[in-house]
PDB file of N, CA and C in Angstrom:
ATOM      1  N   MET A   1     -10.928   0.590 -12.794  1.00  0.00           N
ATOM      2  CA  MET A   1     -11.538   1.880 -12.507  1.00  0.00           C
ATOM      3  C   MET A   1     -10.439   2.923 -12.314  1.00  0.00           C
ATOM      4  N   THR A   2     -10.634   4.104 -12.882  1.00  0.00           N
ATOM      5  CA  THR A   2      -9.650   5.168 -12.721  1.00  0.00           C
ATOM      6  C   THR A   2      -9.810   5.825 -11.359  1.00  0.00           C
ATOM      7  N   GLU A   3      -8.740   6.419 -10.927  1.00  0.00           N
ATOM      8  CA  GLU A   3      -8.757   7.067  -9.617  1.00  0.00           C
ATOM      9  C   GLU A   3      -9.610   8.337  -9.646  1.00  0.00           C
ATOM     10  N   VAL A   4     -10.319   8.573  -8.567  1.00  0.00           N
ATOM     11  CA  VAL A   4     -11.158   9.765  -8.429  1.00  0.00           C
ATOM     12  C   VAL A   4     -10.253  10.985  -8.321  1.00  0.00           C
ATOM     13  N   ARG A   5     -10.535  11.992  -9.148  1.00  0.00           N
ATOM     14  CA  ARG A   5      -9.764  13.234  -9.134  1.00  0.00           C
ATOM     15  C   ARG A   5     -10.672  14.373  -8.679  1.00  0.00           C
ATOM     16  N   VAL A   6     -10.120  15.230  -7.855  1.00  0.00           N
ATOM     17  CA  VAL A   6     -10.852  16.385  -7.336  1.00  0.00           C
ATOM     18  C   VAL A   6     -10.512  17.598  -8.205  1.00  0.00           C
ATOM     19  N   HIS A   7     -11.555  18.271  -8.690  1.00  0.00           N
ATOM     20  CA  HIS A   7     -11.427  19.438  -9.565  1.00  0.00           C
ATOM     21  C   HIS A   7     -12.123  20.634  -8.908  1.00  0.00           C
ATOM     22  N   PRO A   8     -11.850  21.838  -9.398  1.00  0.00           N
ATOM     23  CA  PRO A   8     -12.529  23.017  -8.841  1.00  0.00           C
ATOM     24  C   PRO A   8     -14.047  22.899  -8.847  1.00  0.00           C
ATOM     25  N   ARG A   9     -14.623  22.245  -9.841  1.00  0.00           N
ATOM     26  CA  ARG A   9     -16.093  22.134  -9.903  1.00  0.00           C
ATOM     27  C   ARG A   9     -16.673  21.430  -8.675  1.00  0.00           C
ATOM     28  N   HIS A  10     -15.872  20.654  -7.982  1.00  0.00           N
ATOM     29  CA  HIS A  10     -16.358  19.934  -6.811  1.00  0.00           C
ATOM     30  C   HIS A  10     -16.539  20.845  -5.601  1.00  0.00           C
ATOM     31  N   SER A  11     -16.157  22.108  -5.746  1.00  0.00           N
ATOM     32  CA  SER A  11     -16.411  23.060  -4.653  1.00  0.00           C
ATOM     33  C   SER A  11     -17.833  23.597  -4.729  1.00  0.00           C
ATOM     34  N   ARG A  12     -18.531  23.301  -5.803  1.00  0.00           N
ATOM     35  CA  ARG A  12     -19.884  23.829  -6.012  1.00  0.00           C
ATOM     36  C   ARG A  12     -20.923  22.922  -5.362  1.00  0.00           C
ATOM     37  N   THR A  13     -20.917  22.914  -4.045  1.00  0.00           N
ATOM     38  CA  THR A  13     -21.913  22.157  -3.292  1.00  0.00           C
ATOM     39  C   THR A  13     -22.717  23.134  -2.453  1.00  0.00           C
ATOM     40  N   ALA A  14     -23.804  22.680  -1.928  1.00  0.00           N
ATOM     41  CA  ALA A  14     -24.647  23.552  -1.106  1.00  0.00           C
ATOM     42  C   ALA A  14     -23.901  24.054   0.124  1.00  0.00           C
ATOM     43  N   GLU A  15     -23.019  23.233   0.663  1.00  0.00           N
ATOM     44  CA  GLU A  15     -22.332  23.580   1.906  1.00  0.00           C
ATOM     45  C   GLU A  15     -21.044  24.357   1.678  1.00  0.00           C
ATOM     46  N   TYR A  16     -20.497  24.294   0.473  1.00  0.00           N
ATOM     47  CA  TYR A  16     -19.138  24.784   0.231  1.00  0.00           C
ATOM     48  C   TYR A  16     -19.083  25.332  -1.181  1.00  0.00           C
ATOM     49  N   ASP A  17     -18.987  26.651  -1.323  1.00  0.00           N
ATOM     50  CA  ASP A  17     -18.996  27.235  -2.660  1.00  0.00           C
ATOM     51  C   ASP A  17     -18.030  28.403  -2.731  1.00  0.00           C
ATOM     52  N   PHE A  18     -16.752  28.096  -2.958  1.00  0.00           N
ATOM     53  CA  PHE A  18     -15.747  29.136  -3.083  1.00  0.00           C
ATOM     54  C   PHE A  18     -15.732  29.692  -4.495  1.00  0.00           C
ATOM     55  N   CYS A  19     -15.473  30.977  -4.617  1.00  0.00           N
ATOM     56  CA  CYS A  19     -15.218  31.566  -5.921  1.00  0.00           C
ATOM     57  C   CYS A  19     -13.810  31.127  -6.339  1.00  0.00           C
ATOM     58  N   PHE A  20     -13.455  31.403  -7.572  1.00  0.00           N
ATOM     59  CA  PHE A  20     -12.156  30.959  -8.075  1.00  0.00           C
ATOM     60  C   PHE A  20     -11.013  31.551  -7.247  1.00  0.00           C
ATOM     61  N   ARG A  21     -11.113  32.823  -6.907  1.00  0.00           N
ATOM     62  CA  ARG A  21     -10.078  33.471  -6.102  1.00  0.00           C
ATOM     63  C   ARG A  21      -9.976  32.817  -4.725  1.00  0.00           C
ATOM     64  N   GLY A  22     -11.134  32.482  -4.143  1.00  0.00           N
ATOM     65  CA  GLY A  22     -11.141  31.815  -2.848  1.00  0.00           C
ATOM     66  C   GLY A  22     -10.516  30.432  -2.913  1.00  0.00           C
ATOM     67  N   LEU A  23     -10.771  29.721  -4.016  1.00  0.00           N
ATOM     68  CA  LEU A  23     -10.155  28.399  -4.197  1.00  0.00           C
ATOM     69  C   LEU A  23      -8.638  28.520  -4.299  1.00  0.00           C
ATOM     70  N   ARG A  24      -8.175  29.527  -5.020  1.00  0.00           N
ATOM     71  CA  ARG A  24      -6.721  29.727  -5.166  1.00  0.00           C
ATOM     72  C   ARG A  24      -6.088  29.989  -3.793  1.00  0.00           C
ATOM     73  N   ARG A  25      -6.729  30.838  -3.005  1.00  0.00           N
ATOM     74  CA  ARG A  25      -6.220  31.164  -1.671  1.00  0.00           C
ATOM     75  C   ARG A  25      -6.214  29.918  -0.774  1.00  0.00           C
ATOM     76  N   LYS A  26      -7.297  29.154  -0.827  1.00  0.00           N
ATOM     77  CA  LYS A  26      -7.403  27.940  -0.003  1.00  0.00           C
ATOM     78  C   LYS A  26      -6.346  26.923  -0.421  1.00  0.00           C
ATOM     79  N   ALA A  27      -6.145  26.761  -1.725  1.00  0.00           N
ATOM     80  CA  ALA A  27      -5.124  25.829  -2.214  1.00  0.00           C
ATOM     81  C   ALA A  27      -3.747  26.231  -1.686  1.00  0.00           C
ATOM     82  N   ARG A  28      -3.445  27.516  -1.731  1.00  0.00           N
ATOM     83  CA  ARG A  28      -2.159  27.992  -1.233  1.00  0.00           C
ATOM     84  C   ARG A  28      -2.013  27.682   0.263  1.00  0.00           C
ATOM     85  N   GLU A  29      -3.078  27.927   1.026  1.00  0.00           N
ATOM     86  CA  GLU A  29      -3.054  27.657   2.476  1.00  0.00           C
ATOM     87  C   GLU A  29      -2.810  26.182   2.776  1.00  0.00           C
ATOM     88  N   LEU A  30      -3.372  25.313   1.923  1.00  0.00           N
ATOM     89  CA  LEU A  30      -3.284  23.868   2.170  1.00  0.00           C
ATOM     90  C   LEU A  30      -2.106  23.209   1.472  1.00  0.00           C
ATOM     91  N   GLY A  31      -1.332  23.982   0.716  1.00  0.00           N
ATOM     92  CA  GLY A  31      -0.169  23.428   0.025  1.00  0.00           C
ATOM     93  C   GLY A  31      -0.530  22.619  -1.215  1.00  0.00           C
ATOM     94  N   ILE A  32      -1.638  22.977  -1.858  1.00  0.00           N
ATOM     95  CA  ILE A  32      -2.094  22.270  -3.056  1.00  0.00           C
ATOM     96  C   ILE A  32      -1.636  23.045  -4.286  1.00  0.00           C
ATOM     97  N   ASP A  33      -1.101  22.344  -5.274  1.00  0.00           N
ATOM     98  CA  ASP A  33      -0.666  22.946  -6.531  1.00  0.00           C
ATOM     99  C   ASP A  33      -1.906  23.386  -7.306  1.00  0.00           C
ATOM    100  N   PHE A  34      -2.190  24.685  -7.278  1.00  0.00           N
ATOM    101  CA  PHE A  34      -3.426  25.186  -7.870  1.00  0.00           C
ATOM    102  C   PHE A  34      -3.474  24.989  -9.381  1.00  0.00           C
ATOM    103  N   LYS A  35      -2.369  25.198 -10.061  1.00  0.00           N
ATOM    104  CA  LYS A  35      -2.339  25.024 -11.514  1.00  0.00           C
ATOM    105  C   LYS A  35      -2.699  23.585 -11.883  1.00  0.00           C
ATOM    106  N   ARG A  36      -2.122  22.636 -11.194  1.00  0.00           N
ATOM    107  CA  ARG A  36      -2.428  21.213 -11.426  1.00  0.00           C
ATOM    108  C   ARG A  36      -3.889  20.917 -11.086  1.00  0.00           C
ATOM    109  N   PHE A  37      -4.357  21.479  -9.986  1.00  0.00           N
ATOM    110  CA  PHE A  37      -5.732  21.305  -9.543  1.00  0.00           C
ATOM    111  C   PHE A  37      -6.702  21.732 -10.641  1.00  0.00           C
ATOM    112  N   VAL A  38      -6.438  22.873 -11.262  1.00  0.00           N
ATOM    113  CA  VAL A  38      -7.304  23.402 -12.314  1.00  0.00           C
ATOM    114  C   VAL A  38      -7.159  22.613 -13.605  1.00  0.00           C
ATOM    115  N   GLN A  39      -5.933  22.324 -14.006  1.00  0.00           N
ATOM    116  CA  GLN A  39      -5.691  21.707 -15.308  1.00  0.00           C
ATOM    117  C   GLN A  39      -6.052  20.236 -15.387  1.00  0.00           C
ATOM    118  N   GLU A  40      -5.756  19.485 -14.342  1.00  0.00           N
ATOM    119  CA  GLU A  40      -5.974  18.042 -14.432  1.00  0.00           C
ATOM    120  C   GLU A  40      -6.674  17.418 -13.232  1.00  0.00           C
ATOM    121  N   GLY A  41      -6.903  18.203 -12.202  1.00  0.00           N
ATOM    122  CA  GLY A  41      -7.471  17.650 -10.978  1.00  0.00           C
ATOM    123  C   GLY A  41      -6.385  16.940 -10.194  1.00  0.00           C
ATOM    124  N   ILE A  42      -6.660  16.686  -8.941  1.00  0.00           N
ATOM    125  CA  ILE A  42      -5.699  16.002  -8.068  1.00  0.00           C
ATOM    126  C   ILE A  42      -6.370  14.748  -7.524  1.00  0.00           C
ATOM    127  N   PRO A  43      -5.667  13.613  -7.583  1.00  0.00           N
ATOM    128  CA  PRO A  43      -6.258  12.384  -7.057  1.00  0.00           C
ATOM    129  C   PRO A  43      -6.693  12.559  -5.596  1.00  0.00           C
ATOM    130  N   ALA A  44      -7.878  12.067  -5.311  1.00  0.00           N
ATOM    131  CA  ALA A  44      -8.412  12.178  -3.946  1.00  0.00           C
ATOM    132  C   ALA A  44      -7.444  11.581  -2.933  1.00  0.00           C
ATOM    133  N   SER A  45      -6.757  10.517  -3.323  1.00  0.00           N
ATOM    134  CA  SER A  45      -5.830   9.854  -2.395  1.00  0.00           C
ATOM    135  C   SER A  45      -4.690  10.777  -1.960  1.00  0.00           C
ATOM    136  N   GLU A  46      -4.358  11.768  -2.781  1.00  0.00           N
ATOM    137  CA  GLU A  46      -3.300  12.715  -2.428  1.00  0.00           C
ATOM    138  C   GLU A  46      -3.799  13.822  -1.498  1.00  0.00           C
ATOM    139  N   LEU A  47      -5.111  13.920  -1.355  1.00  0.00           N
ATOM    140  CA  LEU A  47      -5.693  14.996  -0.557  1.00  0.00           C
ATOM    141  C   LEU A  47      -6.327  14.527   0.746  1.00  0.00           C
ATOM    142  N   GLU A  48      -6.605  13.238   0.840  1.00  0.00           N
ATOM    143  CA  GLU A  48      -7.374  12.729   1.986  1.00  0.00           C
ATOM    144  C   GLU A  48      -6.693  12.927   3.329  1.00  0.00           C
ATOM    145  N   HIS A  49      -5.382  13.093   3.343  1.00  0.00           N
ATOM    146  CA  HIS A  49      -4.667  13.281   4.618  1.00  0.00           C
ATOM    147  C   HIS A  49      -4.787  14.707   5.163  1.00  0.00           C
ATOM    148  N   ILE A  50      -5.265  15.626   4.323  1.00  0.00           N
ATOM    149  CA  ILE A  50      -5.369  17.029   4.731  1.00  0.00           C
ATOM    150  C   ILE A  50      -6.639  17.233   5.557  1.00  0.00           C
ATOM    151  N   GLU A  51      -6.465  17.783   6.735  1.00  0.00           N
ATOM    152  CA  GLU A  51      -7.595  18.013   7.641  1.00  0.00           C
ATOM    153  C   GLU A  51      -8.218  19.374   7.356  1.00  0.00           C
ATOM    154  N   ASP A  52      -9.187  19.390   6.477  1.00  0.00           N
ATOM    155  CA  ASP A  52      -9.921  20.602   6.148  1.00  0.00           C
ATOM    156  C   ASP A  52     -11.336  20.196   5.789  1.00  0.00           C
ATOM    157  N   ALA A  53     -12.306  20.730   6.491  1.00  0.00           N
ATOM    158  CA  ALA A  53     -13.702  20.320   6.302  1.00  0.00           C
ATOM    159  C   ALA A  53     -14.184  20.575   4.877  1.00  0.00           C
ATOM    160  N   GLY A  54     -13.866  21.725   4.328  1.00  0.00           N
ATOM    161  CA  GLY A  54     -14.289  22.038   2.964  1.00  0.00           C
ATOM    162  C   GLY A  54     -13.677  21.095   1.952  1.00  0.00           C
ATOM    163  N   LEU A  55     -12.398  20.794   2.119  1.00  0.00           N
ATOM    164  CA  LEU A  55     -11.729  19.867   1.206  1.00  0.00           C
ATOM    165  C   LEU A  55     -12.333  18.475   1.318  1.00  0.00           C
ATOM    166  N   LYS A  56     -12.674  18.069   2.521  1.00  0.00           N
ATOM    167  CA  LYS A  56     -13.310  16.751   2.714  1.00  0.00           C
ATOM    168  C   LYS A  56     -14.642  16.695   1.955  1.00  0.00           C
ATOM    169  N   MET A  57     -15.399  17.811   1.979  1.00  0.00           N
ATOM    170  CA  MET A  57     -16.669  17.848   1.237  1.00  0.00           C
ATOM    171  C   MET A  57     -16.414  17.743  -0.267  1.00  0.00           C
ATOM    172  N   MET A  58     -15.368  18.406  -0.737  1.00  0.00           N
ATOM    173  CA  MET A  58     -15.037  18.343  -2.158  1.00  0.00           C
ATOM    174  C   MET A  58     -14.663  16.922  -2.567  1.00  0.00           C
ATOM    175  N   ILE A  59     -13.914  16.232  -1.727  1.00  0.00           N
ATOM    176  CA  ILE A  59     -13.523  14.855  -2.012  1.00  0.00           C
ATOM    177  C   ILE A  59     -14.768  13.973  -2.082  1.00  0.00           C
ATOM    178  N   GLU A  60     -15.676  14.143  -1.136  1.00  0.00           N
ATOM    179  CA  GLU A  60     -16.915  13.357  -1.142  1.00  0.00           C
ATOM    180  C   GLU A  60     -17.752  13.632  -2.386  1.00  0.00           C
ATOM    181  N   THR A  61     -17.814  14.904  -2.786  1.00  0.00           N
ATOM    182  CA  THR A  61     -18.552  15.267  -3.998  1.00  0.00           C
ATOM    183  C   THR A  61     -17.933  14.596  -5.216  1.00  0.00           C
ATOM    184  N   ALA A  62     -16.612  14.597  -5.298  1.00  0.00           N
ATOM    185  CA  ALA A  62     -15.916  13.956  -6.425  1.00  0.00           C
ATOM    186  C   ALA A  62     -16.187  12.452  -6.441  1.00  0.00           C
ATOM    187  N   LYS A  63     -16.189  11.830  -5.266  1.00  0.00           N
ATOM    188  CA  LYS A  63     -16.452  10.387  -5.190  1.00  0.00           C
ATOM    189  C   LYS A  63     -17.886  10.060  -5.605  1.00  0.00           C
ATOM    190  N   LYS A  64     -18.835  10.894  -5.179  1.00  0.00           N
ATOM    191  CA  LYS A  64     -20.238  10.675  -5.570  1.00  0.00           C
ATOM    192  C   LYS A  64     -20.408  10.823  -7.072  1.00  0.00           C
ATOM    193  N   GLU A  65     -19.758  11.837  -7.636  1.00  0.00           N
ATOM    194  CA  GLU A  65     -19.834  12.051  -9.073  1.00  0.00           C
ATOM    195  C   GLU A  65     -19.259  10.866  -9.841  1.00  0.00           C
ATOM    196  N   ALA A  66     -18.135  10.348  -9.376  1.00  0.00           N
ATOM    197  CA  ALA A  66     -17.509   9.200 -10.030  1.00  0.00           C
ATOM    198  C   ALA A  66     -18.412   7.958  -9.920  1.00  0.00           C
ATOM    199  N   ALA A  67     -19.027   7.771  -8.767  1.00  0.00           N
ATOM    200  CA  ALA A  67     -19.910   6.622  -8.579  1.00  0.00           C
ATOM    201  C   ALA A  67     -21.111   6.711  -9.519  1.00  0.00           C
ATOM    202  N   GLN A  68     -21.677   7.904  -9.676  1.00  0.00           N
ATOM    203  CA  GLN A  68     -22.801   8.094 -10.579  1.00  0.00           C
ATOM    204  C   GLN A  68     -22.388   7.841 -12.035  1.00  0.00           C
ATOM    205  N   ALA A  69     -21.207   8.296 -12.383  1.00  0.00           N
ATOM    206  CA  ALA A  69     -20.702   8.102 -13.755  1.00  0.00           C
ATOM    207  C   ALA A  69     -20.482   6.621 -14.049  1.00  0.00           C
ATOM    208  N   ASN A  70     -20.171   5.862 -13.002  1.00  0.00           N
ATOM    209  CA  ASN A  70     -19.942   4.426 -13.164  1.00  0.00           C
ATOM    210  C   ASN A  70     -21.202   3.612 -12.937  1.00  0.00           C
ATOM    211  N   GLY A  71     -22.329   4.290 -12.772  1.00  0.00           N
ATOM    212  CA  GLY A  71     -23.608   3.609 -12.620  1.00  0.00           C
ATOM    213  C   GLY A  71     -23.823   2.925 -11.288  1.00  0.00           C
ATOM    214  N   ARG A  72     -23.253   3.485 -10.238  1.00  0.00           N
ATOM    215  CA  ARG A  72     -23.425   2.884  -8.897  1.00  0.00           C
ATOM    216  C   ARG A  72     -24.404   3.660  -8.077  1.00  0.00           C
TER     217      ARG A  72
END
């Protein structure tokens, strides 16, 4: 199984919906490489140590999406 990657689309949840500019600002605040985030996504394992409620929701959304894609 490939590693779960978090992409900007994972911010589109009912609880957490940043615009692109807001995502860029948040990435800068959290020390996330925004260009990499947009182009290829960032492995969830590289983000899980960051204490940010919105980011945690994005990670969970990415994991749910991956589980659905794998038929779980």
